[in-house]
Amino acid sequence: MARMIGFDLDDVLMDFNTGLCVFHNAHYGTSLVREDITSYHLEETWGCDREECIRRVGEFYNSPEHDATQPILGAVKVVHELQKDGASVVVITSRPESMSDQTFSWLKKHFPSLAKANSVHFTSHFFHKETGVTKSDICRNLGVKVFVDDAPFHVQDVAPVVEEVLLFDAPWNRGYVLTLQNIRRVHSWSEIHKILNRKS
């Protein structure tokens, strides 16, 4: 059976917060860059309330800036190499399923092999509660062995049900202290590839 590897979408495959900054700067008069995003609570960075924050993120999903957002450096090449080497790759995202059209459109452009229903799994998120399914539920059900995410709360959720979780380093997770032995911080896709190659 092929080894199952799970990846978060935003800020693991897709350079989400860079695209979001481009969008926000164009529409809300800010001059933010990715390094300025030091909290998951974007309303703190943007100076608005949570409801307005959610509305703006929803606008971004439906914007040309979202479509134009690029993959994280190295992601396309490494995913291709993993699949070529026989790994089974899935995307497990906390995006709302109502954004599936925008999500699949972006994946078709950059990760066509992942742009199919059985490769993408939508879960719950603190911004919305469209489903009660967690990332750990999906990982357990699919038999995921290694999972990569940028959010400490998802890493904590998934760690008990997989062999290893890789926390993709980002400005908003640098205050997180690794609490479980099977969680490792990584800084690039080349580092992810080396770790996964050692596990194959």
C-alpha atoms as a PDB file:
ATOM      1  CA  MET A   1       0.000   0.000   0.000  1.00  0.00           C
ATOM      2  CA  ALA A   2       1.274   3.477  -0.891  1.00  0.00           C
ATOM      3  CA  ARG A   3       2.390   5.637   2.004  1.00  0.00           C
ATOM      4  CA  MET A   4      -0.191   8.359   2.720  1.00  0.00           C
ATOM      5  CA  ILE A   5       1.139  11.907   3.211  1.00  0.00           C
ATOM      6  CA  GLY A   6      -1.153  14.805   4.075  1.00  0.00           C
ATOM      7  CA  PHE A   7      -0.546  18.484   3.406  1.00  0.00           C
ATOM      8  CA  ASP A   8      -2.373  21.566   4.560  1.00  0.00           C
ATOM      9  CA  LEU A   9      -3.178  23.926   1.676  1.00  0.00           C
ATOM     10  CA  ASP A  10      -2.809  27.512   2.863  1.00  0.00           C
ATOM     11  CA  ASP A  11       0.775  28.500   3.696  1.00  0.00           C
ATOM     12  CA  VAL A  12       2.039  24.973   3.021  1.00  0.00           C
ATOM     13  CA  LEU A  13       1.174  24.443  -0.648  1.00  0.00           C
ATOM     14  CA  MET A  14      -0.126  27.944  -1.391  1.00  0.00           C
ATOM     15  CA  ASP A  15       1.598  31.170  -0.294  1.00  0.00           C
ATOM     16  CA  PHE A  16      -1.737  32.252   1.158  1.00  0.00           C
ATOM     17  CA  ASN A  17      -0.719  35.083   3.455  1.00  0.00           C
ATOM     18  CA  THR A  18       1.418  36.719   0.770  1.00  0.00           C
ATOM     19  CA  GLY A  19      -1.581  36.724  -1.556  1.00  0.00           C
ATOM     20  CA  LEU A  20      -3.829  37.920   1.240  1.00  0.00           C
ATOM     21  CA  CYS A  21      -1.481  40.846   1.946  1.00  0.00           C
ATOM     22  CA  VAL A  22      -1.521  41.827  -1.749  1.00  0.00           C
ATOM     23  CA  PHE A  23      -5.320  41.744  -1.672  1.00  0.00           C
ATOM     24  CA  HIS A  24      -5.623  43.652   1.596  1.00  0.00           C
ATOM     25  CA  ASN A  25      -3.130  46.324   0.543  1.00  0.00           C
ATOM     26  CA  ALA A  26      -5.021  46.897  -2.717  1.00  0.00           C
ATOM     27  CA  HIS A  27      -8.470  47.106  -1.137  1.00  0.00           C
ATOM     28  CA  TYR A  28      -7.899  48.416   2.388  1.00  0.00           C
ATOM     29  CA  GLY A  29      -4.961  50.797   2.080  1.00  0.00           C
ATOM     30  CA  THR A  30      -2.441  48.809   4.089  1.00  0.00           C
ATOM     31  CA  SER A  31       1.187  48.069   3.201  1.00  0.00           C
ATOM     32  CA  LEU A  32       1.569  44.644   4.773  1.00  0.00           C
ATOM     33  CA  VAL A  33       3.952  41.850   3.844  1.00  0.00           C
ATOM     34  CA  ARG A  34       3.940  38.218   4.971  1.00  0.00           C
ATOM     35  CA  GLU A  35       6.433  38.840   7.786  1.00  0.00           C
ATOM     36  CA  ASP A  36       3.957  41.285   9.351  1.00  0.00           C
ATOM     37  CA  ILE A  37       1.444  38.476   9.957  1.00  0.00           C
ATOM     38  CA  THR A  38       2.481  37.343  13.424  1.00  0.00           C
ATOM     39  CA  SER A  39      -0.902  36.092  14.674  1.00  0.00           C
ATOM     40  CA  TYR A  40      -3.684  33.856  13.415  1.00  0.00           C
ATOM     41  CA  HIS A  41      -6.082  36.529  14.617  1.00  0.00           C
ATOM     42  CA  LEU A  42      -5.862  38.726  11.542  1.00  0.00           C
ATOM     43  CA  GLU A  43      -8.237  41.255  13.043  1.00  0.00           C
ATOM     44  CA  GLU A  44      -5.377  42.242  15.380  1.00  0.00           C
ATOM     45  CA  THR A  45      -3.153  43.004  12.387  1.00  0.00           C
ATOM     46  CA  TRP A  46      -5.906  44.661  10.375  1.00  0.00           C
ATOM     47  CA  GLY A  47      -7.427  46.685  13.229  1.00  0.00           C
ATOM     48  CA  CYS A  48     -10.984  45.381  12.782  1.00  0.00           C
ATOM     49  CA  ASP A  49     -13.343  43.037  14.619  1.00  0.00           C
ATOM     50  CA  ARG A  50     -13.615  39.285  14.000  1.00  0.00           C
ATOM     51  CA  GLU A  51     -16.776  39.553  11.917  1.00  0.00           C
ATOM     52  CA  GLU A  52     -15.163  42.070   9.561  1.00  0.00           C
ATOM     53  CA  CYS A  53     -12.013  39.946   9.422  1.00  0.00           C
ATOM     54  CA  ILE A  54     -14.010  36.910   8.299  1.00  0.00           C
ATOM     55  CA  ARG A  55     -15.784  39.003   5.683  1.00  0.00           C
ATOM     56  CA  ARG A  56     -12.474  40.249   4.242  1.00  0.00           C
ATOM     57  CA  VAL A  57     -11.010  36.724   4.067  1.00  0.00           C
ATOM     58  CA  GLY A  58     -14.166  35.665   2.231  1.00  0.00           C
ATOM     59  CA  GLU A  59     -13.632  38.525  -0.225  1.00  0.00           C
ATOM     60  CA  PHE A  60     -10.078  37.334  -0.802  1.00  0.00           C
ATOM     61  CA  TYR A  61     -11.218  33.807  -1.677  1.00  0.00           C
ATOM     62  CA  ASN A  62     -13.339  35.309  -4.462  1.00  0.00           C
ATOM     63  CA  SER A  63     -10.742  37.792  -5.721  1.00  0.00           C
ATOM     64  CA  PRO A  64      -8.290  37.875  -8.647  1.00  0.00           C
ATOM     65  CA  GLU A  65      -5.521  38.146  -6.051  1.00  0.00           C
ATOM     66  CA  HIS A  66      -6.435  34.693  -4.745  1.00  0.00           C
ATOM     67  CA  ASP A  67      -6.260  33.247  -8.249  1.00  0.00           C
ATOM     68  CA  ALA A  68      -2.870  34.910  -8.760  1.00  0.00           C
ATOM     69  CA  THR A  69      -1.338  33.668  -5.506  1.00  0.00           C
ATOM     70  CA  GLN A  70       1.689  31.448  -6.115  1.00  0.00           C
ATOM     71  CA  PRO A  71       2.661  28.132  -4.511  1.00  0.00           C
ATOM     72  CA  ILE A  72       5.216  28.097  -1.711  1.00  0.00           C
ATOM     73  CA  LEU A  73       8.704  27.811  -3.206  1.00  0.00           C
ATOM     74  CA  GLY A  74       9.557  24.177  -3.917  1.00  0.00           C
ATOM     75  CA  ALA A  75       6.089  22.762  -3.230  1.00  0.00           C
ATOM     76  CA  VAL A  76       5.189  21.859  -6.815  1.00  0.00           C
ATOM     77  CA  LYS A  77       8.454  20.046  -7.458  1.00  0.00           C
ATOM     78  CA  VAL A  78       8.449  18.077  -4.205  1.00  0.00           C
ATOM     79  CA  VAL A  79       4.801  16.989  -4.469  1.00  0.00           C
ATOM     80  CA  HIS A  80       5.525  15.776  -8.000  1.00  0.00           C
ATOM     81  CA  GLU A  81       8.616  13.879  -6.817  1.00  0.00           C
ATOM     82  CA  LEU A  82       6.720  12.264  -3.935  1.00  0.00           C
ATOM     83  CA  GLN A  83       3.950  11.089  -6.236  1.00  0.00           C
ATOM     84  CA  LYS A  84       6.476   9.843  -8.784  1.00  0.00           C
ATOM     85  CA  ASP A  85       8.102   7.818  -6.009  1.00  0.00           C
ATOM     86  CA  GLY A  86       4.755   6.194  -5.200  1.00  0.00           C
ATOM     87  CA  ALA A  87       3.469   8.219  -2.253  1.00  0.00           C
ATOM     88  CA  SER A  88      -0.261   8.884  -1.976  1.00  0.00           C
ATOM     89  CA  VAL A  89      -0.706  12.637  -1.374  1.00  0.00           C
ATOM     90  CA  VAL A  90      -3.826  14.311   0.004  1.00  0.00           C
ATOM     91  CA  VAL A  91      -4.737  17.889   0.886  1.00  0.00           C
ATOM     92  CA  ILE A  92      -6.459  18.417   4.238  1.00  0.00           C
ATOM     93  CA  THR A  93      -7.558  22.023   4.572  1.00  0.00           C
ATOM     94  CA  SER A  94      -9.532  24.023   7.112  1.00  0.00           C
ATOM     95  CA  ARG A  95     -11.042  26.109   4.331  1.00  0.00           C
ATOM     96  CA  PRO A  96     -14.840  26.067   4.243  1.00  0.00           C
ATOM     97  CA  GLU A  97     -16.230  23.596   1.723  1.00  0.00           C
ATOM     98  CA  SER A  98     -18.242  26.474   0.270  1.00  0.00           C
ATOM     99  CA  MET A  99     -14.908  27.652  -1.176  1.00  0.00           C
ATOM    100  CA  SER A 100     -14.312  24.365  -2.996  1.00  0.00           C
ATOM    101  CA  ASP A 101     -14.695  25.877  -6.492  1.00  0.00           C
ATOM    102  CA  GLN A 102     -12.010  28.482  -5.820  1.00  0.00           C
ATOM    103  CA  THR A 103      -9.816  25.848  -4.185  1.00  0.00           C
ATOM    104  CA  PHE A 104     -10.036  23.357  -7.038  1.00  0.00           C
ATOM    105  CA  SER A 105      -9.517  26.118  -9.611  1.00  0.00           C
ATOM    106  CA  TRP A 106      -6.240  27.097  -7.943  1.00  0.00           C
ATOM    107  CA  LEU A 107      -5.110  23.482  -7.543  1.00  0.00           C
ATOM    108  CA  LYS A 108      -5.822  22.727 -11.218  1.00  0.00           C
ATOM    109  CA  LYS A 109      -3.437  25.518 -12.144  1.00  0.00           C
ATOM    110  CA  HIS A 110      -0.542  24.480  -9.886  1.00  0.00           C
ATOM    111  CA  PHE A 111      -1.169  20.929  -8.600  1.00  0.00           C
ATOM    112  CA  PRO A 112      -3.392  19.286 -11.238  1.00  0.00           C
ATOM    113  CA  SER A 113      -2.796  15.807  -9.828  1.00  0.00           C
ATOM    114  CA  LEU A 114      -4.416  16.937  -6.543  1.00  0.00           C
ATOM    115  CA  ALA A 115      -7.395  18.743  -8.092  1.00  0.00           C
ATOM    116  CA  LYS A 116      -9.880  15.926  -7.606  1.00  0.00           C
ATOM    117  CA  ALA A 117     -12.504  15.248  -4.975  1.00  0.00           C
ATOM    118  CA  ASN A 118     -10.807  12.263  -3.322  1.00  0.00           C
ATOM    119  CA  SER A 119      -7.544  14.205  -2.911  1.00  0.00           C
ATOM    120  CA  VAL A 120      -8.944  17.259  -1.085  1.00  0.00           C
ATOM    121  CA  HIS A 121     -10.658  17.155   2.305  1.00  0.00           C
ATOM    122  CA  PHE A 122     -12.341  20.169   3.921  1.00  0.00           C
ATOM    123  CA  THR A 123     -12.599  20.382   7.724  1.00  0.00           C
ATOM    124  CA  SER A 124     -13.730  22.721  10.477  1.00  0.00           C
ATOM    125  CA  HIS A 125     -12.016  26.005  11.315  1.00  0.00           C
ATOM    126  CA  PHE A 126     -12.232  28.681  13.984  1.00  0.00           C
ATOM    127  CA  PHE A 127     -13.529  31.125  11.315  1.00  0.00           C
ATOM    128  CA  HIS A 128     -16.478  28.929  10.442  1.00  0.00           C
ATOM    129  CA  LYS A 129     -18.201  25.718  11.476  1.00  0.00           C
ATOM    130  CA  GLU A 130     -19.496  24.231   8.245  1.00  0.00           C
ATOM    131  CA  THR A 131     -18.533  20.754   9.408  1.00  0.00           C
ATOM    132  CA  GLY A 132     -17.628  19.167  12.714  1.00  0.00           C
ATOM    133  CA  VAL A 133     -14.803  17.187  11.141  1.00  0.00           C
ATOM    134  CA  THR A 134     -11.238  17.838  12.323  1.00  0.00           C
ATOM    135  CA  LYS A 135      -7.950  17.268  10.557  1.00  0.00           C
ATOM    136  CA  SER A 136      -7.167  14.442  12.978  1.00  0.00           C
ATOM    137  CA  ASP A 137     -10.455  12.762  11.997  1.00  0.00           C
ATOM    138  CA  ILE A 138      -9.436  12.853   8.327  1.00  0.00           C
ATOM    139  CA  CYS A 139      -5.880  11.687   9.028  1.00  0.00           C
ATOM    140  CA  ARG A 140      -7.141   8.783  11.117  1.00  0.00           C
ATOM    141  CA  ASN A 141      -9.745   7.753   8.554  1.00  0.00           C
ATOM    142  CA  LEU A 142      -7.310   7.891   5.630  1.00  0.00           C
ATOM    143  CA  GLY A 143      -4.349   6.351   7.440  1.00  0.00           C
ATOM    144  CA  VAL A 144      -2.092   9.388   6.966  1.00  0.00           C
ATOM    145  CA  LYS A 145       1.434   8.701   8.223  1.00  0.00           C
ATOM    146  CA  VAL A 146       2.989  12.176   7.972  1.00  0.00           C
ATOM    147  CA  PHE A 147       1.153  15.492   8.001  1.00  0.00           C
ATOM    148  CA  VAL A 148       2.462  19.004   7.279  1.00  0.00           C
ATOM    149  CA  ASP A 149       0.703  22.130   8.591  1.00  0.00           C
ATOM    150  CA  ASP A 150       1.588  25.684   9.628  1.00  0.00           C
ATOM    151  CA  ALA A 151      -0.950  25.990  12.468  1.00  0.00           C
ATOM    152  CA  PRO A 152       0.094  24.840  15.957  1.00  0.00           C
ATOM    153  CA  PHE A 153      -3.501  24.022  16.949  1.00  0.00           C
ATOM    154  CA  HIS A 154      -3.846  21.683  13.948  1.00  0.00           C
ATOM    155  CA  VAL A 155      -0.430  20.164  14.629  1.00  0.00           C
ATOM    156  CA  GLN A 156      -1.500  19.442  18.212  1.00  0.00           C
ATOM    157  CA  ASP A 157      -4.757  17.946  16.972  1.00  0.00           C
ATOM    158  CA  VAL A 158      -3.136  15.641  14.417  1.00  0.00           C
ATOM    159  CA  ALA A 159      -0.002  14.535  16.302  1.00  0.00           C
ATOM    160  CA  PRO A 160      -1.673  11.734  18.318  1.00  0.00           C
ATOM    161  CA  VAL A 161      -2.970   9.949  15.197  1.00  0.00           C
ATOM    162  CA  VAL A 162       0.031  10.087  12.804  1.00  0.00           C
ATOM    163  CA  GLU A 163       3.654   8.977  12.952  1.00  0.00           C
ATOM    164  CA  GLU A 164       5.060  12.494  12.506  1.00  0.00           C
ATOM    165  CA  VAL A 165       3.819  16.049  12.058  1.00  0.00           C
ATOM    166  CA  LEU A 166       5.954  18.681  10.360  1.00  0.00           C
ATOM    167  CA  LEU A 167       5.235  22.271  11.411  1.00  0.00           C
ATOM    168  CA  PHE A 168       6.020  24.542   8.470  1.00  0.00           C
ATOM    169  CA  ASP A 169       7.815  27.546   9.948  1.00  0.00           C
ATOM    170  CA  ALA A 170       6.040  30.904   9.561  1.00  0.00           C
ATOM    171  CA  PRO A 171       6.000  34.275  11.362  1.00  0.00           C
ATOM    172  CA  TRP A 172       2.706  33.418  13.042  1.00  0.00           C
ATOM    173  CA  ASN A 173       3.895  30.142  14.615  1.00  0.00           C
ATOM    174  CA  ARG A 174       7.381  31.055  15.839  1.00  0.00           C
ATOM    175  CA  GLY A 175       6.211  31.452  19.426  1.00  0.00           C
ATOM    176  CA  TYR A 176       4.956  27.869  19.494  1.00  0.00           C
ATOM    177  CA  VAL A 177       7.037  25.464  21.571  1.00  0.00           C
ATOM    178  CA  LEU A 178       7.100  21.895  20.244  1.00  0.00           C
ATOM    179  CA  THR A 179       5.293  19.878  22.891  1.00  0.00           C
ATOM    180  CA  LEU A 180       5.212  16.342  21.501  1.00  0.00           C
ATOM    181  CA  GLN A 181       8.083  14.138  20.364  1.00  0.00           C
ATOM    182  CA  ASN A 182       6.612  13.480  16.924  1.00  0.00           C
ATOM    183  CA  ILE A 183       6.327  17.190  15.999  1.00  0.00           C
ATOM    184  CA  ARG A 184       9.223  18.721  14.077  1.00  0.00           C
ATOM    185  CA  ARG A 185       9.631  22.266  12.756  1.00  0.00           C
ATOM    186  CA  VAL A 186      10.698  22.565   9.107  1.00  0.00           C
ATOM    187  CA  HIS A 187      11.725  25.649   7.146  1.00  0.00           C
ATOM    188  CA  SER A 188      11.504  24.678   3.478  1.00  0.00           C
ATOM    189  CA  TRP A 189      10.150  22.165   1.017  1.00  0.00           C
ATOM    190  CA  SER A 190      13.645  20.814   0.408  1.00  0.00           C
ATOM    191  CA  GLU A 191      13.847  19.996   4.125  1.00  0.00           C
ATOM    192  CA  ILE A 192      10.430  18.293   3.949  1.00  0.00           C
ATOM    193  CA  HIS A 193      11.615  16.230   0.973  1.00  0.00           C
ATOM    194  CA  LYS A 194      14.752  15.069   2.801  1.00  0.00           C
ATOM    195  CA  ILE A 195      12.747  13.999   5.852  1.00  0.00           C
ATOM    196  CA  LEU A 196      10.161  12.140   3.771  1.00  0.00           C
ATOM    197  CA  ASN A 197      12.866  10.443   1.696  1.00  0.00           C
ATOM    198  CA  ARG A 198      14.477   9.135   4.871  1.00  0.00           C
ATOM    199  CA  LYS A 199      11.121   7.667   5.907  1.00  0.00           C
ATOM    200  CA  SER A 200      10.460   5.872   2.611  1.00  0.00           C
END
